């Protein structure tokens, strides 16, 4: 089976597709001055755009890994946005962890694995 890579540079690909599965690189918000809710909305919009480019959508998300800059103060606000984004009955396997992200203004990063139709 072939491996397809999209939006690739020398270090990484934003999308990798193999054997009916789509892997997205970790997505962060565009405006790092916003709060965790605003950054989460931007991340999820980026994810939807990349899933569409890969030929799938958020209803086919299998797994999500969510990295929060400060899980104690940001978990609830991130979950509020996540819950509004996720359609009922489509909850993926998920892990949420606290992590030091590459820029202190980044409050949330989300990595996704999804199935192709």
C-alpha atoms as a PDB file:
ATOM      1  CA  UNK A   1       0.000   0.000   0.000  1.00  0.00           C
ATOM      2  CA  UNK A   2       1.228   3.450  -0.854  1.00  0.00           C
ATOM      3  CA  UNK A   3       1.736   6.274   1.610  1.00  0.00           C
ATOM      4  CA  UNK A   4       0.443   9.696   0.568  1.00  0.00           C
ATOM      5  CA  UNK A   5       1.873  12.846   2.130  1.00  0.00           C
ATOM      6  CA  UNK A   6       0.293  16.275   1.752  1.00  0.00           C
ATOM      7  CA  UNK A   7       1.447  19.741   2.771  1.00  0.00           C
ATOM      8  CA  UNK A   8       4.962  18.456   3.310  1.00  0.00           C
ATOM      9  CA  UNK A   9       8.172  20.268   4.122  1.00  0.00           C
ATOM     10  CA  UNK A  10      11.620  18.965   5.036  1.00  0.00           C
ATOM     11  CA  UNK A  11      10.559  18.251   8.621  1.00  0.00           C
ATOM     12  CA  UNK A  12       6.967  17.044   8.532  1.00  0.00           C
ATOM     13  CA  UNK A  13       3.734  16.476   6.631  1.00  0.00           C
ATOM     14  CA  UNK A  14       0.451  17.996   7.749  1.00  0.00           C
ATOM     15  CA  UNK A  15      -1.438  14.963   6.372  1.00  0.00           C
ATOM     16  CA  UNK A  16      -0.285  11.377   5.907  1.00  0.00           C
ATOM     17  CA  UNK A  17      -2.671   8.787   4.471  1.00  0.00           C
ATOM     18  CA  UNK A  18      -2.026   5.053   4.528  1.00  0.00           C
ATOM     19  CA  UNK A  19      -4.235   1.995   4.309  1.00  0.00           C
ATOM     20  CA  UNK A  20      -7.511   3.908   4.704  1.00  0.00           C
ATOM     21  CA  UNK A  21      -6.319   5.951   7.674  1.00  0.00           C
ATOM     22  CA  UNK A  22      -5.529   9.678   7.803  1.00  0.00           C
ATOM     23  CA  UNK A  23      -2.983  11.021  10.285  1.00  0.00           C
ATOM     24  CA  UNK A  24      -2.873  14.761  10.949  1.00  0.00           C
ATOM     25  CA  UNK A  25       0.087  16.490  12.503  1.00  0.00           C
ATOM     26  CA  UNK A  26      -0.525  18.437  15.699  1.00  0.00           C
ATOM     27  CA  UNK A  27      -2.563  21.568  14.968  1.00  0.00           C
ATOM     28  CA  UNK A  28      -2.297  24.846  16.851  1.00  0.00           C
ATOM     29  CA  UNK A  29      -4.229  28.095  16.688  1.00  0.00           C
ATOM     30  CA  UNK A  30      -3.420  30.902  14.273  1.00  0.00           C
ATOM     31  CA  UNK A  31      -3.798  33.773  16.755  1.00  0.00           C
ATOM     32  CA  UNK A  32      -1.693  32.964  19.798  1.00  0.00           C
ATOM     33  CA  UNK A  33      -2.986  36.042  21.638  1.00  0.00           C
ATOM     34  CA  UNK A  34      -6.383  34.420  22.162  1.00  0.00           C
ATOM     35  CA  UNK A  35      -7.550  32.409  25.155  1.00  0.00           C
ATOM     36  CA  UNK A  36      -7.758  28.606  25.125  1.00  0.00           C
ATOM     37  CA  UNK A  37     -11.359  28.655  23.864  1.00  0.00           C
ATOM     38  CA  UNK A  38     -10.501  30.809  20.868  1.00  0.00           C
ATOM     39  CA  UNK A  39      -7.348  28.802  20.127  1.00  0.00           C
ATOM     40  CA  UNK A  40      -9.317  25.547  20.360  1.00  0.00           C
ATOM     41  CA  UNK A  41     -11.891  26.849  17.863  1.00  0.00           C
ATOM     42  CA  UNK A  42      -9.077  27.756  15.453  1.00  0.00           C
ATOM     43  CA  UNK A  43      -7.409  24.352  15.909  1.00  0.00           C
ATOM     44  CA  UNK A  44     -10.673  22.523  15.196  1.00  0.00           C
ATOM     45  CA  UNK A  45     -11.289  24.666  12.096  1.00  0.00           C
ATOM     46  CA  UNK A  46      -7.778  23.753  10.875  1.00  0.00           C
ATOM     47  CA  UNK A  47      -8.513  20.094  11.544  1.00  0.00           C
ATOM     48  CA  UNK A  48     -11.761  20.232   9.559  1.00  0.00           C
ATOM     49  CA  UNK A  49      -9.944  21.887   6.644  1.00  0.00           C
ATOM     50  CA  UNK A  50      -7.198  19.234   6.627  1.00  0.00           C
ATOM     51  CA  UNK A  51      -9.682  16.366   6.946  1.00  0.00           C
ATOM     52  CA  UNK A  52     -11.592  17.743   3.969  1.00  0.00           C
ATOM     53  CA  UNK A  53      -8.367  18.005   1.962  1.00  0.00           C
ATOM     54  CA  UNK A  54      -7.605  14.371   2.859  1.00  0.00           C
ATOM     55  CA  UNK A  55     -11.069  13.251   1.705  1.00  0.00           C
ATOM     56  CA  UNK A  56     -12.776  12.642   5.046  1.00  0.00           C
ATOM     57  CA  UNK A  57     -14.524  14.603   7.801  1.00  0.00           C
ATOM     58  CA  UNK A  58     -14.822  14.961  11.571  1.00  0.00           C
ATOM     59  CA  UNK A  59     -17.504  12.250  11.806  1.00  0.00           C
ATOM     60  CA  UNK A  60     -14.776   9.725  10.975  1.00  0.00           C
ATOM     61  CA  UNK A  61     -12.243  10.781  13.630  1.00  0.00           C
ATOM     62  CA  UNK A  62     -10.914   7.682  15.380  1.00  0.00           C
ATOM     63  CA  UNK A  63      -8.506   9.191  17.879  1.00  0.00           C
ATOM     64  CA  UNK A  64      -7.524  12.582  19.271  1.00  0.00           C
ATOM     65  CA  UNK A  65      -4.584  13.561  21.428  1.00  0.00           C
ATOM     66  CA  UNK A  66      -5.001  16.963  23.059  1.00  0.00           C
ATOM     67  CA  UNK A  67      -2.065  18.803  24.590  1.00  0.00           C
ATOM     68  CA  UNK A  68      -2.820  21.653  26.988  1.00  0.00           C
ATOM     69  CA  UNK A  69      -0.325  24.189  28.265  1.00  0.00           C
ATOM     70  CA  UNK A  70      -2.023  24.144  31.697  1.00  0.00           C
ATOM     71  CA  UNK A  71      -4.547  21.360  32.212  1.00  0.00           C
ATOM     72  CA  UNK A  72      -5.717  22.747  35.586  1.00  0.00           C
ATOM     73  CA  UNK A  73      -6.936  26.074  34.183  1.00  0.00           C
ATOM     74  CA  UNK A  74      -7.701  25.210  30.545  1.00  0.00           C
ATOM     75  CA  UNK A  75      -9.370  21.780  30.552  1.00  0.00           C
ATOM     76  CA  UNK A  76     -12.950  23.004  31.068  1.00  0.00           C
ATOM     77  CA  UNK A  77     -12.778  25.795  28.482  1.00  0.00           C
ATOM     78  CA  UNK A  78     -11.209  23.494  25.886  1.00  0.00           C
ATOM     79  CA  UNK A  79     -13.872  20.834  26.578  1.00  0.00           C
ATOM     80  CA  UNK A  80     -16.671  23.368  26.126  1.00  0.00           C
ATOM     81  CA  UNK A  81     -15.470  24.109  22.592  1.00  0.00           C
ATOM     82  CA  UNK A  82     -14.691  20.429  21.872  1.00  0.00           C
ATOM     83  CA  UNK A  83     -18.186  19.354  22.985  1.00  0.00           C
ATOM     84  CA  UNK A  84     -19.820  21.925  20.676  1.00  0.00           C
ATOM     85  CA  UNK A  85     -17.652  20.762  17.727  1.00  0.00           C
ATOM     86  CA  UNK A  86     -18.162  17.032  18.162  1.00  0.00           C
ATOM     87  CA  UNK A  87     -21.415  15.560  16.898  1.00  0.00           C
ATOM     88  CA  UNK A  88     -23.271  13.314  19.342  1.00  0.00           C
ATOM     89  CA  UNK A  89     -22.407   9.650  18.850  1.00  0.00           C
ATOM     90  CA  UNK A  90     -19.054  10.401  17.184  1.00  0.00           C
ATOM     91  CA  UNK A  91     -16.741  10.579  20.200  1.00  0.00           C
ATOM     92  CA  UNK A  92     -13.267   9.276  19.295  1.00  0.00           C
ATOM     93  CA  UNK A  93     -10.766   7.598  21.561  1.00  0.00           C
ATOM     94  CA  UNK A  94      -9.084  10.540  23.281  1.00  0.00           C
ATOM     95  CA  UNK A  95      -6.228  11.445  25.575  1.00  0.00           C
ATOM     96  CA  UNK A  96      -5.683  14.880  27.089  1.00  0.00           C
ATOM     97  CA  UNK A  97      -2.353  15.715  28.672  1.00  0.00           C
ATOM     98  CA  UNK A  98      -0.478  18.703  29.960  1.00  0.00           C
ATOM     99  CA  UNK A  99       2.586  19.544  27.895  1.00  0.00           C
ATOM    100  CA  UNK A 100       5.075  22.333  27.458  1.00  0.00           C
ATOM    101  CA  UNK A 101       4.329  23.406  23.890  1.00  0.00           C
ATOM    102  CA  UNK A 102       6.991  24.898  21.624  1.00  0.00           C
ATOM    103  CA  UNK A 103       5.771  28.463  22.204  1.00  0.00           C
ATOM    104  CA  UNK A 104       4.502  29.611  25.627  1.00  0.00           C
ATOM    105  CA  UNK A 105       1.595  31.434  23.932  1.00  0.00           C
ATOM    106  CA  UNK A 106       0.328  28.152  22.462  1.00  0.00           C
ATOM    107  CA  UNK A 107      -2.335  26.935  24.849  1.00  0.00           C
ATOM    108  CA  UNK A 108      -3.637  23.870  22.970  1.00  0.00           C
ATOM    109  CA  UNK A 109      -2.449  21.482  20.276  1.00  0.00           C
ATOM    110  CA  UNK A 110      -4.517  18.635  18.861  1.00  0.00           C
ATOM    111  CA  UNK A 111      -3.403  15.641  16.821  1.00  0.00           C
ATOM    112  CA  UNK A 112      -6.001  13.536  14.964  1.00  0.00           C
ATOM    113  CA  UNK A 113      -6.290  10.092  13.372  1.00  0.00           C
ATOM    114  CA  UNK A 114      -9.317   9.528  11.115  1.00  0.00           C
ATOM    115  CA  UNK A 115     -10.705   6.933   8.740  1.00  0.00           C
ATOM    116  CA  UNK A 116     -11.333   7.487   5.067  1.00  0.00           C
ATOM    117  CA  UNK A 117     -14.861   6.783   3.809  1.00  0.00           C
END
